[in-house]
Amino acid sequence: MTEQFYVGVDQDENNGLSHLGRIVRDAWVFDILPETEKCSGWSSSQMQNLYEKVYVAWEPYAHLPSRLPEALQQRHTQIYEQAIAIAKREGWNPELKEDD
């Protein structure tokens, strides 16, 4: 079995709005990673470790952006609004399809 590696948030589908891309972006929100770290070439185990750190960071806020303190809420909004704008500009359509 060949190990898979993450392509990086900047090369991920829909400008990193995938499950793994959101983990990276949330790591930025909580300063677990600097925004310059795109996680390109990270192994599955590295991504799992990152997921666990992000999960713990979200726990005090019930995993809801609306429960973040104001500074983190603003950072979350800024990071995700930028990602969404770029994804839309590149053709991403956020509407669910019948098979979603």
PDB file of N, CA and C in Angstrom:
ATOM      1  N   MET A   1       0.845  -1.180   0.000  1.00  0.00           N
ATOM      2  CA  MET A   1       0.000   0.000   0.000  1.00  0.00           C
ATOM      3  C   MET A   1       0.890   1.244   0.000  1.00  0.00           C
ATOM      4  N   THR A   2       0.627   2.135  -0.910  1.00  0.00           N
ATOM      5  CA  THR A   2       1.409   3.345  -1.043  1.00  0.00           C
ATOM      6  C   THR A   2       0.826   4.443  -0.161  1.00  0.00           C
ATOM      7  N   GLU A   3       1.708   5.089   0.599  1.00  0.00           N
ATOM      8  CA  GLU A   3       1.244   6.179   1.458  1.00  0.00           C
ATOM      9  C   GLU A   3       0.870   7.386   0.594  1.00  0.00           C
ATOM     10  N   GLN A   4      -0.210   8.028   0.949  1.00  0.00           N
ATOM     11  CA  GLN A   4      -0.643   9.223   0.239  1.00  0.00           C
ATOM     12  C   GLN A   4      -0.155  10.457   0.983  1.00  0.00           C
ATOM     13  N   PHE A   5       0.115  11.503   0.225  1.00  0.00           N
ATOM     14  CA  PHE A   5       0.587  12.754   0.793  1.00  0.00           C
ATOM     15  C   PHE A   5      -0.351  13.875   0.387  1.00  0.00           C
ATOM     16  N   TYR A   6      -0.551  14.801   1.297  1.00  0.00           N
ATOM     17  CA  TYR A   6      -1.437  15.930   1.032  1.00  0.00           C
ATOM     18  C   TYR A   6      -0.780  16.875   0.031  1.00  0.00           C
ATOM     19  N   VAL A   7      -1.568  17.377  -0.904  1.00  0.00           N
ATOM     20  CA  VAL A   7      -1.032  18.246  -1.960  1.00  0.00           C
ATOM     21  C   VAL A   7      -0.717  19.648  -1.456  1.00  0.00           C
ATOM     22  N   GLY A   8      -1.326  20.041  -0.362  1.00  0.00           N
ATOM     23  CA  GLY A   8      -1.135  21.395   0.173  1.00  0.00           C
ATOM     24  C   GLY A   8      -2.402  22.199  -0.006  1.00  0.00           C
ATOM     25  N   VAL A   9      -2.660  23.053   0.950  1.00  0.00           N
ATOM     26  CA  VAL A   9      -3.910  23.816   0.943  1.00  0.00           C
ATOM     27  C   VAL A   9      -4.033  24.687  -0.308  1.00  0.00           C
ATOM     28  N   ASP A  10      -2.921  25.175  -0.821  1.00  0.00           N
ATOM     29  CA  ASP A  10      -2.959  26.035  -1.999  1.00  0.00           C
ATOM     30  C   ASP A  10      -3.150  25.247  -3.296  1.00  0.00           C
ATOM     31  N   GLN A  11      -2.972  23.921  -3.262  1.00  0.00           N
ATOM     32  CA  GLN A  11      -3.159  23.076  -4.448  1.00  0.00           C
ATOM     33  C   GLN A  11      -4.389  22.174  -4.319  1.00  0.00           C
ATOM     34  N   ASP A  12      -5.043  22.228  -3.186  1.00  0.00           N
ATOM     35  CA  ASP A  12      -6.204  21.377  -2.902  1.00  0.00           C
ATOM     36  C   ASP A  12      -7.407  21.865  -3.708  1.00  0.00           C
ATOM     37  N   GLU A  13      -8.386  20.965  -3.864  1.00  0.00           N
ATOM     38  CA  GLU A  13      -9.589  21.314  -4.619  1.00  0.00           C
ATOM     39  C   GLU A  13     -10.300  22.517  -3.997  1.00  0.00           C
ATOM     40  N   ASN A  14     -10.889  23.328  -4.852  1.00  0.00           N
ATOM     41  CA  ASN A  14     -11.674  24.493  -4.435  1.00  0.00           C
ATOM     42  C   ASN A  14     -10.926  25.394  -3.461  1.00  0.00           C
ATOM     43  N   ASN A  15      -9.666  25.653  -3.784  1.00  0.00           N
ATOM     44  CA  ASN A  15      -8.813  26.530  -2.989  1.00  0.00           C
ATOM     45  C   ASN A  15      -8.712  26.077  -1.538  1.00  0.00           C
ATOM     46  N   GLY A  16      -8.653  24.787  -1.327  1.00  0.00           N
ATOM     47  CA  GLY A  16      -8.463  24.266   0.021  1.00  0.00           C
ATOM     48  C   GLY A  16      -9.714  24.268   0.872  1.00  0.00           C
ATOM     49  N   LEU A  17     -10.883  24.233   0.260  1.00  0.00           N
ATOM     50  CA  LEU A  17     -12.124  24.171   1.024  1.00  0.00           C
ATOM     51  C   LEU A  17     -12.583  22.722   1.216  1.00  0.00           C
ATOM     52  N   SER A  18     -11.645  21.804   1.127  1.00  0.00           N
ATOM     53  CA  SER A  18     -11.908  20.386   1.390  1.00  0.00           C
ATOM     54  C   SER A  18     -11.763  20.132   2.890  1.00  0.00           C
ATOM     55  N   HIS A  19     -12.013  18.904   3.293  1.00  0.00           N
ATOM     56  CA  HIS A  19     -11.868  18.540   4.701  1.00  0.00           C
ATOM     57  C   HIS A  19     -10.447  18.821   5.199  1.00  0.00           C
ATOM     58  N   LEU A  20      -9.450  18.364   4.462  1.00  0.00           N
ATOM     59  CA  LEU A  20      -8.064  18.575   4.886  1.00  0.00           C
ATOM     60  C   LEU A  20      -7.672  20.042   4.822  1.00  0.00           C
ATOM     61  N   GLY A  21      -8.155  20.730   3.807  1.00  0.00           N
ATOM     62  CA  GLY A  21      -7.865  22.159   3.697  1.00  0.00           C
ATOM     63  C   GLY A  21      -8.432  22.949   4.864  1.00  0.00           C
ATOM     64  N   ARG A  22      -9.609  22.567   5.316  1.00  0.00           N
ATOM     65  CA  ARG A  22     -10.215  23.260   6.462  1.00  0.00           C
ATOM     66  C   ARG A  22      -9.423  22.993   7.740  1.00  0.00           C
ATOM     67  N   ILE A  23      -8.839  21.815   7.856  1.00  0.00           N
ATOM     68  CA  ILE A  23      -7.994  21.534   9.021  1.00  0.00           C
ATOM     69  C   ILE A  23      -6.792  22.477   9.020  1.00  0.00           C
ATOM     70  N   VAL A  24      -6.167  22.645   7.865  1.00  0.00           N
ATOM     71  CA  VAL A  24      -5.020  23.541   7.762  1.00  0.00           C
ATOM     72  C   VAL A  24      -5.443  24.971   8.076  1.00  0.00           C
ATOM     73  N   ARG A  25      -6.537  25.424   7.482  1.00  0.00           N
ATOM     74  CA  ARG A  25      -7.005  26.795   7.741  1.00  0.00           C
ATOM     75  C   ARG A  25      -7.348  27.001   9.214  1.00  0.00           C
ATOM     76  N   ASP A  26      -7.970  26.009   9.829  1.00  0.00           N
ATOM     77  CA  ASP A  26      -8.276  26.130  11.258  1.00  0.00           C
ATOM     78  C   ASP A  26      -6.991  26.160  12.088  1.00  0.00           C
ATOM     79  N   ALA A  27      -5.974  25.437  11.656  1.00  0.00           N
ATOM     80  CA  ALA A  27      -4.680  25.495  12.348  1.00  0.00           C
ATOM     81  C   ALA A  27      -4.105  26.907  12.268  1.00  0.00           C
ATOM     82  N   TRP A  28      -4.341  27.577  11.144  1.00  0.00           N
ATOM     83  CA  TRP A  28      -3.918  28.979  11.038  1.00  0.00           C
ATOM     84  C   TRP A  28      -4.693  29.849  12.018  1.00  0.00           C
ATOM     85  N   VAL A  29      -6.001  29.634  12.077  1.00  0.00           N
ATOM     86  CA  VAL A  29      -6.848  30.435  12.970  1.00  0.00           C
ATOM     87  C   VAL A  29      -6.327  30.364  14.396  1.00  0.00           C
ATOM     88  N   PHE A  30      -5.983  29.169  14.850  1.00  0.00           N
ATOM     89  CA  PHE A  30      -5.561  28.965  16.234  1.00  0.00           C
ATOM     90  C   PHE A  30      -4.046  29.098  16.431  1.00  0.00           C
ATOM     91  N   ASP A  31      -3.340  29.574  15.416  1.00  0.00           N
ATOM     92  CA  ASP A  31      -1.881  29.730  15.479  1.00  0.00           C
ATOM     93  C   ASP A  31      -1.148  28.434  15.808  1.00  0.00           C
ATOM     94  N   ILE A  32      -1.717  27.332  15.380  1.00  0.00           N
ATOM     95  CA  ILE A  32      -1.028  26.045  15.495  1.00  0.00           C
ATOM     96  C   ILE A  32       0.047  25.977  14.413  1.00  0.00           C
ATOM     97  N   LEU A  33      -0.270  26.566  13.261  1.00  0.00           N
ATOM     98  CA  LEU A  33       0.658  26.678  12.133  1.00  0.00           C
ATOM     99  C   LEU A  33       0.672  28.115  11.653  1.00  0.00           C
ATOM    100  N   PRO A  34       1.800  28.582  11.124  1.00  0.00           N
ATOM    101  CA  PRO A  34       1.798  29.901  10.481  1.00  0.00           C
ATOM    102  C   PRO A  34       1.075  29.808   9.140  1.00  0.00           C
ATOM    103  N   GLU A  35       0.521  30.915   8.690  1.00  0.00           N
ATOM    104  CA  GLU A  35      -0.206  30.905   7.411  1.00  0.00           C
ATOM    105  C   GLU A  35       0.697  30.601   6.224  1.00  0.00           C
ATOM    106  N   THR A  36       1.980  30.660   6.411  1.00  0.00           N
ATOM    107  CA  THR A  36       2.915  30.313   5.333  1.00  0.00           C
ATOM    108  C   THR A  36       3.043  28.799   5.164  1.00  0.00           C
ATOM    109  N   GLU A  37       2.594  28.027   6.173  1.00  0.00           N
ATOM    110  CA  GLU A  37       2.668  26.560   6.090  1.00  0.00           C
ATOM    111  C   GLU A  37       1.448  26.037   5.347  1.00  0.00           C
ATOM    112  N   LYS A  38       1.669  25.485   4.187  1.00  0.00           N
ATOM    113  CA  LYS A  38       0.585  24.967   3.340  1.00  0.00           C
ATOM    114  C   LYS A  38       0.399  23.463   3.488  1.00  0.00           C
ATOM    115  N   CYS A  39       1.312  22.807   4.190  1.00  0.00           N
ATOM    116  CA  CYS A  39       1.278  21.360   4.458  1.00  0.00           C
ATOM    117  C   CYS A  39       1.480  20.519   3.202  1.00  0.00           C
ATOM    118  N   SER A  40       2.098  21.068   2.192  1.00  0.00           N
ATOM    119  CA  SER A  40       2.390  20.311   0.963  1.00  0.00           C
ATOM    120  C   SER A  40       3.309  19.144   1.285  1.00  0.00           C
ATOM    121  N   GLY A  41       2.921  17.959   0.815  1.00  0.00           N
ATOM    122  CA  GLY A  41       3.737  16.779   1.012  1.00  0.00           C
ATOM    123  C   GLY A  41       3.612  16.136   2.382  1.00  0.00           C
ATOM    124  N   TRP A  42       2.688  16.617   3.202  1.00  0.00           N
ATOM    125  CA  TRP A  42       2.518  16.022   4.530  1.00  0.00           C
ATOM    126  C   TRP A  42       1.896  14.638   4.401  1.00  0.00           C
ATOM    127  N   SER A  43       2.371  13.722   5.231  1.00  0.00           N
ATOM    128  CA  SER A  43       1.854  12.351   5.234  1.00  0.00           C
ATOM    129  C   SER A  43       0.502  12.297   5.941  1.00  0.00           C
ATOM    130  N   SER A  44      -0.151  11.175   5.788  1.00  0.00           N
ATOM    131  CA  SER A  44      -1.439  10.966   6.461  1.00  0.00           C
ATOM    132  C   SER A  44      -1.290  11.075   7.972  1.00  0.00           C
ATOM    133  N   SER A  45      -0.204  10.553   8.516  1.00  0.00           N
ATOM    134  CA  SER A  45      -0.008  10.625   9.967  1.00  0.00           C
ATOM    135  C   SER A  45       0.250  12.055  10.425  1.00  0.00           C
ATOM    136  N   GLN A  46       0.952  12.838   9.634  1.00  0.00           N
ATOM    137  CA  GLN A  46       1.150  14.253   9.981  1.00  0.00           C
ATOM    138  C   GLN A  46      -0.181  15.002   9.957  1.00  0.00           C
ATOM    139  N   MET A  47      -1.004  14.720   8.955  1.00  0.00           N
ATOM    140  CA  MET A  47      -2.309  15.377   8.871  1.00  0.00           C
ATOM    141  C   MET A  47      -3.219  14.929  10.012  1.00  0.00           C
ATOM    142  N   GLN A  48      -3.118  13.675  10.416  1.00  0.00           N
ATOM    143  CA  GLN A  48      -3.901  13.178  11.550  1.00  0.00           C
ATOM    144  C   GLN A  48      -3.478  13.886  12.839  1.00  0.00           C
ATOM    145  N   ASN A  49      -2.176  14.047  13.038  1.00  0.00           N
ATOM    146  CA  ASN A  49      -1.683  14.766  14.213  1.00  0.00           C
ATOM    147  C   ASN A  49      -2.165  16.211  14.221  1.00  0.00           C
ATOM    148  N   LEU A  50      -2.152  16.846  13.057  1.00  0.00           N
ATOM    149  CA  LEU A  50      -2.642  18.216  12.958  1.00  0.00           C
ATOM    150  C   LEU A  50      -4.133  18.269  13.274  1.00  0.00           C
ATOM    151  N   TYR A  51      -4.893  17.326  12.719  1.00  0.00           N
ATOM    152  CA  TYR A  51      -6.324  17.262  12.995  1.00  0.00           C
ATOM    153  C   TYR A  51      -6.582  17.181  14.500  1.00  0.00           C
ATOM    154  N   GLU A  52      -5.827  16.348  15.200  1.00  0.00           N
ATOM    155  CA  GLU A  52      -6.025  16.182  16.637  1.00  0.00           C
ATOM    156  C   GLU A  52      -5.744  17.480  17.397  1.00  0.00           C
ATOM    157  N   LYS A  53      -4.725  18.220  16.989  1.00  0.00           N
ATOM    158  CA  LYS A  53      -4.428  19.509  17.630  1.00  0.00           C
ATOM    159  C   LYS A  53      -5.541  20.525  17.363  1.00  0.00           C
ATOM    160  N   VAL A  54      -6.022  20.557  16.132  1.00  0.00           N
ATOM    161  CA  VAL A  54      -7.104  21.480  15.769  1.00  0.00           C
ATOM    162  C   VAL A  54      -8.379  21.116  16.520  1.00  0.00           C
ATOM    163  N   TYR A  55      -8.665  19.826  16.621  1.00  0.00           N
ATOM    164  CA  TYR A  55      -9.850  19.365  17.335  1.00  0.00           C
ATOM    165  C   TYR A  55      -9.824  19.841  18.792  1.00  0.00           C
ATOM    166  N   VAL A  56      -8.691  19.690  19.445  1.00  0.00           N
ATOM    167  CA  VAL A  56      -8.542  20.128  20.835  1.00  0.00           C
ATOM    168  C   VAL A  56      -8.709  21.645  20.939  1.00  0.00           C
ATOM    169  N   ALA A  57      -8.174  22.381  19.978  1.00  0.00           N
ATOM    170  CA  ALA A  57      -8.299  23.844  19.994  1.00  0.00           C
ATOM    171  C   ALA A  57      -9.751  24.293  19.862  1.00  0.00           C
ATOM    172  N   TRP A  58     -10.547  23.551  19.100  1.00  0.00           N
ATOM    173  CA  TRP A  58     -11.966  23.887  18.901  1.00  0.00           C
ATOM    174  C   TRP A  58     -12.844  23.516  20.098  1.00  0.00           C
ATOM    175  N   GLU A  59     -12.442  22.520  20.874  1.00  0.00           N
ATOM    176  CA  GLU A  59     -13.291  21.991  21.943  1.00  0.00           C
ATOM    177  C   GLU A  59     -13.877  23.054  22.881  1.00  0.00           C
ATOM    178  N   PRO A  60     -13.119  24.028  23.370  1.00  0.00           N
ATOM    179  CA  PRO A  60     -13.711  25.012  24.292  1.00  0.00           C
ATOM    180  C   PRO A  60     -14.830  25.852  23.659  1.00  0.00           C
ATOM    181  N   TYR A  61     -14.901  25.837  22.344  1.00  0.00           N
ATOM    182  CA  TYR A  61     -15.877  26.652  21.617  1.00  0.00           C
ATOM    183  C   TYR A  61     -16.950  25.789  20.955  1.00  0.00           C
ATOM    184  N   ALA A  62     -17.056  24.538  21.370  1.00  0.00           N
ATOM    185  CA  ALA A  62     -18.046  23.599  20.842  1.00  0.00           C
ATOM    186  C   ALA A  62     -17.956  23.470  19.317  1.00  0.00           C
ATOM    187  N   HIS A  63     -16.784  23.709  18.786  1.00  0.00           N
ATOM    188  CA  HIS A  63     -16.531  23.586  17.341  1.00  0.00           C
ATOM    189  C   HIS A  63     -17.409  24.534  16.523  1.00  0.00           C
ATOM    190  N   LEU A  64     -17.787  25.664  17.106  1.00  0.00           N
ATOM    191  CA  LEU A  64     -18.647  26.645  16.434  1.00  0.00           C
ATOM    192  C   LEU A  64     -17.936  27.993  16.325  1.00  0.00           C
ATOM    193  N   PRO A  65     -17.767  28.504  15.106  1.00  0.00           N
ATOM    194  CA  PRO A  65     -17.129  29.813  14.959  1.00  0.00           C
ATOM    195  C   PRO A  65     -17.839  30.918  15.745  1.00  0.00           C
ATOM    196  N   SER A  66     -19.140  30.816  15.888  1.00  0.00           N
ATOM    197  CA  SER A  66     -19.893  31.854  16.609  1.00  0.00           C
ATOM    198  C   SER A  66     -19.534  31.911  18.093  1.00  0.00           C
ATOM    199  N   ARG A  67     -18.909  30.886  18.609  1.00  0.00           N
ATOM    200  CA  ARG A  67     -18.518  30.867  20.023  1.00  0.00           C
ATOM    201  C   ARG A  67     -17.069  31.274  20.250  1.00  0.00           C
ATOM    202  N   LEU A  68     -16.366  31.560  19.176  1.00  0.00           N
ATOM    203  CA  LEU A  68     -14.978  32.010  19.309  1.00  0.00           C
ATOM    204  C   LEU A  68     -14.932  33.402  19.934  1.00  0.00           C
ATOM    205  N   PRO A  69     -13.872  33.713  20.678  1.00  0.00           N
ATOM    206  CA  PRO A  69     -13.681  35.091  21.131  1.00  0.00           C
ATOM    207  C   PRO A  69     -13.552  36.008  19.914  1.00  0.00           C
ATOM    208  N   GLU A  70     -13.835  37.263  20.098  1.00  0.00           N
ATOM    209  CA  GLU A  70     -13.905  38.199  18.970  1.00  0.00           C
ATOM    210  C   GLU A  70     -12.657  38.174  18.086  1.00  0.00           C
ATOM    211  N   ALA A  71     -11.484  38.177  18.682  1.00  0.00           N
ATOM    212  CA  ALA A  71     -10.251  38.200  17.878  1.00  0.00           C
ATOM    213  C   ALA A  71     -10.136  36.947  17.005  1.00  0.00           C
ATOM    214  N   LEU A  72     -10.433  35.781  17.567  1.00  0.00           N
ATOM    215  CA  LEU A  72     -10.379  34.543  16.783  1.00  0.00           C
ATOM    216  C   LEU A  72     -11.498  34.499  15.754  1.00  0.00           C
ATOM    217  N   GLN A  73     -12.656  35.029  16.110  1.00  0.00           N
ATOM    218  CA  GLN A  73     -13.773  35.075  15.171  1.00  0.00           C
ATOM    219  C   GLN A  73     -13.404  35.917  13.948  1.00  0.00           C
ATOM    220  N   GLN A  74     -12.772  37.052  14.184  1.00  0.00           N
ATOM    221  CA  GLN A  74     -12.350  37.915  13.073  1.00  0.00           C
ATOM    222  C   GLN A  74     -11.302  37.221  12.210  1.00  0.00           C
ATOM    223  N   ARG A  75     -10.365  36.542  12.860  1.00  0.00           N
ATOM    224  CA  ARG A  75      -9.324  35.823  12.120  1.00  0.00           C
ATOM    225  C   ARG A  75      -9.958  34.702  11.277  1.00  0.00           C
ATOM    226  N   HIS A  76     -10.885  33.954  11.864  1.00  0.00           N
ATOM    227  CA  HIS A  76     -11.588  32.885  11.159  1.00  0.00           C
ATOM    228  C   HIS A  76     -12.314  33.449   9.943  1.00  0.00           C
ATOM    229  N   THR A  77     -13.042  34.529  10.147  1.00  0.00           N
ATOM    230  CA  THR A  77     -13.792  35.158   9.057  1.00  0.00           C
ATOM    231  C   THR A  77     -12.854  35.606   7.942  1.00  0.00           C
ATOM    232  N   GLN A  78     -11.764  36.244   8.304  1.00  0.00           N
ATOM    233  CA  GLN A  78     -10.803  36.736   7.307  1.00  0.00           C
ATOM    234  C   GLN A  78     -10.217  35.579   6.494  1.00  0.00           C
ATOM    235  N   ILE A  79      -9.772  34.536   7.159  1.00  0.00           N
ATOM    236  CA  ILE A  79      -9.148  33.402   6.476  1.00  0.00           C
ATOM    237  C   ILE A  79     -10.137  32.714   5.541  1.00  0.00           C
ATOM    238  N   TYR A  80     -11.348  32.482   6.016  1.00  0.00           N
ATOM    239  CA  TYR A  80     -12.330  31.759   5.201  1.00  0.00           C
ATOM    240  C   TYR A  80     -12.950  32.631   4.111  1.00  0.00           C
ATOM    241  N   GLU A  81     -13.181  33.904   4.380  1.00  0.00           N
ATOM    242  CA  GLU A  81     -13.725  34.774   3.319  1.00  0.00           C
ATOM    243  C   GLU A  81     -12.754  34.878   2.164  1.00  0.00           C
ATOM    244  N   GLN A  82     -11.475  34.971   2.467  1.00  0.00           N
ATOM    245  CA  GLN A  82     -10.465  35.040   1.413  1.00  0.00           C
ATOM    246  C   GLN A  82     -10.448  33.735   0.607  1.00  0.00           C
ATOM    247  N   ALA A  83     -10.487  32.601   1.290  1.00  0.00           N
ATOM    248  CA  ALA A  83     -10.474  31.306   0.600  1.00  0.00           C
ATOM    249  C   ALA A  83     -11.704  31.140  -0.286  1.00  0.00           C
ATOM    250  N   ILE A  84     -12.859  31.525   0.224  1.00  0.00           N
ATOM    251  CA  ILE A  84     -14.109  31.401  -0.533  1.00  0.00           C
ATOM    252  C   ILE A  84     -14.099  32.307  -1.756  1.00  0.00           C
ATOM    253  N   ALA A  85     -13.613  33.532  -1.591  1.00  0.00           N
ATOM    254  CA  ALA A  85     -13.564  34.467  -2.720  1.00  0.00           C
ATOM    255  C   ALA A  85     -12.686  33.926  -3.848  1.00  0.00           C
ATOM    256  N   ILE A  86     -11.529  33.392  -3.479  1.00  0.00           N
ATOM    257  CA  ILE A  86     -10.623  32.844  -4.494  1.00  0.00           C
ATOM    258  C   ILE A  86     -11.251  31.622  -5.158  1.00  0.00           C
ATOM    259  N   ALA A  87     -11.855  30.741  -4.371  1.00  0.00           N
ATOM    260  CA  ALA A  87     -12.489  29.534  -4.921  1.00  0.00           C
ATOM    261  C   ALA A  87     -13.610  29.897  -5.882  1.00  0.00           C
ATOM    262  N   LYS A  88     -14.421  30.882  -5.522  1.00  0.00           N
ATOM    263  CA  LYS A  88     -15.510  31.316  -6.416  1.00  0.00           C
ATOM    264  C   LYS A  88     -14.950  31.902  -7.704  1.00  0.00           C
ATOM    265  N   ARG A  89     -13.892  32.694  -7.578  1.00  0.00           N
ATOM    266  CA  ARG A  89     -13.267  33.301  -8.754  1.00  0.00           C
ATOM    267  C   ARG A  89     -12.729  32.216  -9.689  1.00  0.00           C
ATOM    268  N   GLU A  90     -12.326  31.077  -9.104  1.00  0.00           N
ATOM    269  CA  GLU A  90     -11.793  29.973  -9.900  1.00  0.00           C
ATOM    270  C   GLU A  90     -12.873  28.992 -10.347  1.00  0.00           C
ATOM    271  N   GLY A  91     -14.160  29.334 -10.106  1.00  0.00           N
ATOM    272  CA  GLY A  91     -15.252  28.524 -10.625  1.00  0.00           C
ATOM    273  C   GLY A  91     -15.975  27.644  -9.624  1.00  0.00           C
ATOM    274  N   TRP A  92     -15.610  27.704  -8.347  1.00  0.00           N
ATOM    275  CA  TRP A  92     -16.291  26.894  -7.340  1.00  0.00           C
ATOM    276  C   TRP A  92     -17.713  27.371  -7.151  1.00  0.00           C
ATOM    277  N   ASN A  93     -18.642  26.441  -7.110  1.00  0.00           N
ATOM    278  CA  ASN A  93     -20.037  26.753  -6.863  1.00  0.00           C
ATOM    279  C   ASN A  93     -20.420  26.106  -5.532  1.00  0.00           C
ATOM    280  N   PRO A  94     -20.754  26.906  -4.517  1.00  0.00           N
ATOM    281  CA  PRO A  94     -21.034  26.350  -3.188  1.00  0.00           C
ATOM    282  C   PRO A  94     -22.397  25.664  -3.065  1.00  0.00           C
ATOM    283  N   GLU A  95     -23.218  25.743  -4.103  1.00  0.00           N
ATOM    284  CA  GLU A  95     -24.546  25.121  -4.049  1.00  0.00           C
ATOM    285  C   GLU A  95     -24.401  23.604  -4.041  1.00  0.00           C
ATOM    286  N   LEU A  96     -25.184  22.940  -3.215  1.00  0.00           N
ATOM    287  CA  LEU A  96     -25.155  21.477  -3.166  1.00  0.00           C
ATOM    288  C   LEU A  96     -25.833  20.910  -4.399  1.00  0.00           C
ATOM    289  N   LYS A  97     -25.285  19.821  -4.871  1.00  0.00           N
ATOM    290  CA  LYS A  97     -25.899  19.118  -5.992  1.00  0.00           C
ATOM    291  C   LYS A  97     -26.770  18.004  -5.428  1.00  0.00           C
ATOM    292  N   GLU A  98     -27.532  17.362  -6.276  1.00  0.00           N
ATOM    293  CA  GLU A  98     -28.446  16.331  -5.816  1.00  0.00           C
ATOM    294  C   GLU A  98     -27.730  15.148  -5.159  1.00  0.00           C
ATOM    295  N   ASP A  99     -26.493  14.883  -5.548  1.00  0.00           N
ATOM    296  CA  ASP A  99     -25.764  13.749  -4.978  1.00  0.00           C
ATOM    297  C   ASP A  99     -24.921  14.131  -3.765  1.00  0.00           C
ATOM    298  N   ASP A 100     -24.998  15.381  -3.301  1.00  0.00           N
ATOM    299  CA  ASP A 100     -24.246  15.835  -2.113  1.00  0.00           C
ATOM    300  C   ASP A 100     -25.017  15.604  -0.848  1.00  0.00           C
TER     301      ASP A 100
END
